[in-house]
Amino acid sequence: MSDIQVDVTYRGNSNEIAIISAHGFIDTTTAPDLEKKLEEQLALNKYKIIVNLENIDYVSSAGWGVFVSEIREIRENNGDLVLINMSSDVYDVYELMEFSSILKSFDNVEDAITSFTGISKSAATPKPVRPQIASQKPAPVKTAALKSEPKVGPVPETRASSTTPAADIYSFAQTDLGRRIINIIVDNPYFEVKEIIKALKLPQYGGSRAGGGTVKRELKKMALFDRQKRFELALKKKK
């Protein structure tokens, strides 16, 4: 059985940045321990969260799900969750599964902190200022002939664009089943097709059974059968 150890430290002027450091493997067995620590920080109104994966060799879909499942609440409270110090194996999965389109990553904790504070460590140390030496003779000032200002005509009225940055995500759906599937994708962008089928039975998503073939046909009809397309749809909703 895999084991995991999760520690939390704080940084920032008022300890507003929580750093969650995990040791071991993040899989179906250990993901609940990590999720509990994350939920504890949200309960403390800590919405600037750094997850240190330096000592993690493996992250399963359940582990990635922990990070993504809370991202909406975190960003709605003007925060973010970022990852740091991923091993090459973990980073390869992070890129392959397109989590880079949802979660930011950094090479070290200082860069991650800068993403929250906007102040880099090097910027905290002021650079010495060299005294300026005045020239003995002022440079001659050239005066240009005044030109008449061009006449400005009336500004034409501009019409608002008919499209908005975040298009209606439900425009993909033509049926009630399609809308329910989209709700699942937005809440769980990491779900496989078989997990979407199971989720349709839950009360929050309608609580009714749908056959695997029916769900797959609906996903294809909405052009959402591809995992990357589902991630892009979820990201569009979260913006």
Protein backbone atom coordinates (compact mmCIF):
# COMPACT_ATOMS: atom_id res chain seq x y z
CA MET A 1 0.00 0.00 0.00
CA SER A 2 1.31 3.42 -0.88
CA ASP A 3 1.92 5.93 1.87
CA ILE A 4 2.08 9.71 1.85
CA GLN A 5 3.19 12.46 4.21
CA VAL A 6 1.78 15.95 3.78
CA ASP A 7 3.16 19.05 5.51
CA VAL A 8 2.07 22.67 5.34
CA THR A 9 4.17 25.81 5.81
CA TYR A 10 3.34 29.46 5.20
CA ARG A 11 5.04 32.38 3.46
CA GLY A 12 4.18 36.00 2.73
CA ASN A 13 3.92 39.14 4.85
CA SER A 14 0.84 37.81 6.61
CA ASN A 15 1.35 34.08 5.99
CA GLU A 16 -1.23 34.28 3.21
CA ILE A 17 0.60 31.75 1.00
CA ALA A 18 0.24 28.09 1.97
CA ILE A 19 2.91 25.65 0.77
CA ILE A 20 1.73 22.03 0.77
CA SER A 21 4.67 19.61 0.55
CA ALA A 22 3.94 15.95 -0.14
CA HIS A 23 6.24 12.93 0.17
CA GLY A 24 5.52 9.57 -1.43
CA PHE A 25 2.96 8.63 -4.08
CA ILE A 26 -0.35 10.32 -4.90
CA ASP A 27 -2.79 7.65 -6.00
CA THR A 28 -6.33 6.50 -5.22
CA THR A 29 -5.28 5.40 -1.72
CA THR A 30 -3.39 8.53 -0.70
CA ALA A 31 -5.23 11.25 -2.63
CA PRO A 32 -7.84 11.70 0.17
CA ASP A 33 -5.04 12.66 2.62
CA LEU A 34 -3.81 15.34 0.24
CA GLU A 35 -7.37 16.52 -0.41
CA LYS A 36 -7.98 16.85 3.33
CA LYS A 37 -4.93 19.12 3.74
CA LEU A 38 -6.05 21.24 0.80
CA GLU A 39 -9.58 21.59 2.19
CA GLU A 40 -8.14 22.60 5.58
CA GLN A 41 -6.34 25.51 3.91
CA LEU A 42 -9.50 26.63 2.14
CA ALA A 43 -11.35 26.49 5.45
CA LEU A 44 -8.67 28.87 6.80
CA ASN A 45 -9.31 31.19 3.83
CA LYS A 46 -5.92 30.39 2.33
CA TYR A 47 -6.47 30.74 -1.40
CA LYS A 48 -2.86 31.23 -2.51
CA ILE A 49 -1.56 27.68 -2.55
CA ILE A 50 1.71 26.17 -3.72
CA VAL A 51 1.95 22.37 -3.99
CA ASN A 52 5.54 21.16 -3.73
CA LEU A 53 5.96 17.87 -5.63
CA GLU A 54 9.72 17.60 -5.18
CA ASN A 55 9.43 14.30 -3.29
CA ILE A 56 6.59 12.84 -5.37
CA ASP A 57 7.48 10.20 -7.97
CA TYR A 58 3.98 9.39 -9.20
CA VAL A 59 0.62 11.17 -9.50
CA SER A 60 -2.43 9.18 -10.62
CA SER A 61 -5.60 10.61 -12.15
CA ALA A 62 -7.08 10.71 -8.64
CA GLY A 63 -4.19 12.94 -7.55
CA TRP A 64 -4.57 15.32 -10.47
CA GLY A 65 -8.27 15.39 -9.70
CA VAL A 66 -7.57 16.76 -6.21
CA PHE A 67 -5.80 19.79 -7.69
CA VAL A 68 -8.37 20.50 -10.39
CA SER A 69 -11.50 19.90 -8.29
CA GLU A 70 -10.90 22.93 -6.04
CA ILE A 71 -9.49 25.32 -8.62
CA ARG A 72 -12.79 27.06 -9.31
CA GLU A 73 -13.42 27.98 -5.67
CA ILE A 74 -9.80 29.08 -5.27
CA ARG A 75 -9.88 31.41 -8.28
CA GLU A 76 -13.29 32.78 -7.37
CA ASN A 77 -11.60 34.01 -4.17
CA ASN A 78 -8.80 35.78 -6.10
CA GLY A 79 -6.31 33.00 -5.45
CA ASP A 80 -4.65 30.22 -7.38
CA LEU A 81 -3.09 26.79 -6.97
CA VAL A 82 0.30 26.26 -8.59
CA LEU A 83 2.71 23.32 -8.73
CA ILE A 84 6.47 23.37 -8.21
CA ASN A 85 9.47 21.05 -8.38
CA MET A 86 7.88 18.33 -10.51
CA SER A 87 10.11 15.41 -11.45
CA SER A 88 10.58 14.71 -15.14
CA ASP A 89 8.19 11.74 -15.01
CA VAL A 90 5.46 13.73 -13.26
CA TYR A 91 5.98 16.71 -15.56
CA ASP A 92 5.65 14.50 -18.64
CA VAL A 93 2.21 13.35 -17.46
CA TYR A 94 1.31 16.95 -16.58
CA GLU A 95 2.03 17.99 -20.17
CA LEU A 96 0.60 14.87 -21.82
CA MET A 97 -2.75 15.15 -20.04
CA GLU A 98 -2.93 18.91 -20.80
CA PHE A 99 -3.03 19.94 -17.13
CA SER A 100 -0.66 22.74 -18.15
CA SER A 101 -3.69 24.49 -19.65
CA ILE A 102 -5.37 24.57 -16.23
CA LEU A 103 -2.60 24.61 -13.59
CA LYS A 104 0.53 26.77 -13.63
CA SER A 105 3.88 25.24 -12.71
CA PHE A 106 7.20 26.70 -11.58
CA ASP A 107 10.71 25.35 -11.08
CA ASN A 108 11.06 26.58 -7.50
CA VAL A 109 9.17 28.08 -4.58
CA GLU A 110 10.55 31.61 -5.04
CA ASP A 111 9.20 31.88 -8.59
CA ALA A 112 5.83 30.59 -7.38
CA ILE A 113 5.72 33.15 -4.56
CA THR A 114 6.58 35.90 -7.05
CA SER A 115 3.57 34.85 -9.14
CA PHE A 116 1.39 35.72 -6.13
CA THR A 117 3.17 38.80 -4.78
CA GLY A 118 4.58 40.29 -7.97
CA ILE A 119 7.83 40.95 -6.10
CA SER A 120 10.90 38.92 -6.98
CA LYS A 121 13.61 38.14 -4.47
CA SER A 122 16.18 40.10 -6.47
CA ALA A 123 13.88 43.13 -6.57
CA ALA A 124 13.91 43.28 -2.76
CA THR A 125 17.60 44.36 -2.82
CA PRO A 126 17.95 47.86 -4.28
CA LYS A 127 20.71 48.40 -6.80
CA PRO A 128 23.31 51.14 -6.06
CA VAL A 129 22.61 54.36 -7.90
CA ARG A 130 25.54 56.07 -9.60
CA PRO A 131 25.69 59.83 -9.16
CA GLN A 132 25.13 61.77 -12.35
CA ILE A 133 27.86 64.18 -13.43
CA ALA A 134 26.58 67.42 -14.88
CA SER A 135 28.14 68.48 -18.17
CA GLN A 136 30.06 71.74 -18.20
CA LYS A 137 28.23 73.20 -21.18
CA PRO A 138 24.55 72.70 -21.72
CA ALA A 139 23.70 71.21 -25.08
CA PRO A 140 22.08 73.65 -27.47
CA VAL A 141 18.35 73.27 -27.74
CA LYS A 142 17.01 73.07 -31.25
CA THR A 143 13.62 74.54 -31.81
CA ALA A 144 11.48 72.99 -34.48
CA ALA A 145 9.07 75.03 -36.47
CA LEU A 146 5.57 74.76 -35.15
CA LYS A 147 3.28 72.79 -37.37
CA SER A 148 -0.41 73.24 -37.44
CA GLU A 149 -2.23 70.44 -35.70
CA PRO A 150 -4.10 68.12 -38.06
CA LYS A 151 -7.82 68.48 -38.01
CA VAL A 152 -9.57 65.61 -36.36
CA GLY A 153 -12.90 64.59 -37.79
CA PRO A 154 -15.75 63.06 -35.86
CA VAL A 155 -14.98 59.70 -34.28
CA PRO A 156 -17.13 56.97 -35.83
CA GLU A 157 -19.29 55.03 -33.46
CA THR A 158 -18.12 51.52 -32.66
CA ARG A 159 -20.46 48.67 -32.18
CA ALA A 160 -19.99 46.05 -29.53
CA SER A 161 -18.76 42.76 -30.83
CA SER A 162 -21.43 40.16 -31.21
CA THR A 163 -19.12 37.54 -29.70
CA THR A 164 -17.93 37.45 -26.10
CA PRO A 165 -14.56 36.08 -24.91
CA ALA A 166 -16.24 33.25 -23.05
CA ALA A 167 -18.78 31.71 -25.37
CA ASP A 168 -21.78 29.89 -23.97
CA ILE A 169 -20.42 26.43 -23.22
CA TYR A 170 -23.89 24.93 -23.50
CA SER A 171 -24.02 25.84 -27.18
CA PHE A 172 -22.24 22.52 -27.75
CA ALA A 173 -25.25 20.62 -26.40
CA GLN A 174 -28.42 19.90 -28.32
CA THR A 175 -30.03 17.64 -25.72
CA ASP A 176 -30.57 17.52 -21.98
CA LEU A 177 -28.06 14.67 -21.79
CA GLY A 178 -25.49 16.85 -23.52
CA ARG A 179 -25.98 19.66 -20.98
CA ARG A 180 -25.60 17.20 -18.10
CA ILE A 181 -22.40 15.85 -19.64
CA ILE A 182 -21.02 19.38 -19.99
CA ASN A 183 -21.72 20.05 -16.30
CA ILE A 184 -19.68 16.95 -15.43
CA ILE A 185 -16.81 18.02 -17.70
CA VAL A 186 -16.68 21.51 -16.17
CA ASP A 187 -16.55 20.09 -12.63
CA ASN A 188 -14.26 17.16 -13.49
CA PRO A 189 -12.20 17.91 -16.62
CA TYR A 190 -9.87 15.01 -15.84
CA PHE A 191 -12.66 12.39 -16.09
CA GLU A 192 -12.39 9.59 -18.62
CA VAL A 193 -15.48 8.64 -20.64
CA LYS A 194 -16.27 5.74 -18.32
CA GLU A 195 -16.13 8.10 -15.33
CA ILE A 196 -18.52 10.51 -17.06
CA ILE A 197 -20.93 7.61 -17.55
CA LYS A 198 -20.78 6.80 -13.82
CA ALA A 199 -21.18 10.47 -12.81
CA LEU A 200 -24.45 10.76 -14.75
CA LYS A 201 -26.03 8.53 -12.08
CA LEU A 202 -25.24 11.08 -9.33
CA PRO A 203 -28.10 13.36 -8.18
CA GLN A 204 -26.23 16.58 -9.01
CA TYR A 205 -25.98 15.46 -12.64
CA GLY A 206 -29.54 14.24 -13.12
CA GLY A 207 -29.35 10.91 -11.33
CA SER A 208 -30.33 8.79 -14.32
CA ARG A 209 -28.53 6.00 -16.15
CA ALA A 210 -27.21 6.46 -19.69
CA GLY A 211 -25.68 3.72 -21.79
CA GLY A 212 -22.01 3.89 -22.71
CA GLY A 213 -22.78 3.96 -26.44
CA THR A 214 -25.27 6.78 -25.98
CA VAL A 215 -22.79 8.88 -23.98
CA LYS A 216 -20.02 8.31 -26.51
CA ARG A 217 -22.28 9.32 -29.40
CA GLU A 218 -23.30 12.46 -27.50
CA LEU A 219 -19.66 13.37 -26.85
CA LYS A 220 -18.79 12.87 -30.52
CA LYS A 221 -21.79 14.94 -31.60
CA MET A 222 -20.55 17.80 -29.37
CA ALA A 223 -16.93 17.30 -30.58
CA LEU A 224 -15.92 16.55 -26.99
CA PHE A 225 -14.87 12.92 -27.30
CA ASP A 226 -11.22 14.01 -27.30
CA ARG A 227 -9.78 14.58 -23.80
CA GLN A 228 -8.01 17.79 -24.80
CA LYS A 229 -11.25 19.29 -26.12
CA ARG A 230 -12.91 18.59 -22.78
CA PHE A 231 -10.07 20.32 -20.94
CA GLU A 232 -10.37 23.35 -23.23
CA LEU A 233 -14.10 23.53 -22.57
CA ALA A 234 -13.60 23.37 -18.78
CA LEU A 235 -10.90 26.03 -18.94
CA LYS A 236 -13.18 28.31 -20.97
CA LYS A 237 -15.78 28.08 -18.21
CA LYS A 238 -13.26 28.80 -15.45
CA LYS A 239 -12.00 32.02 -17.09
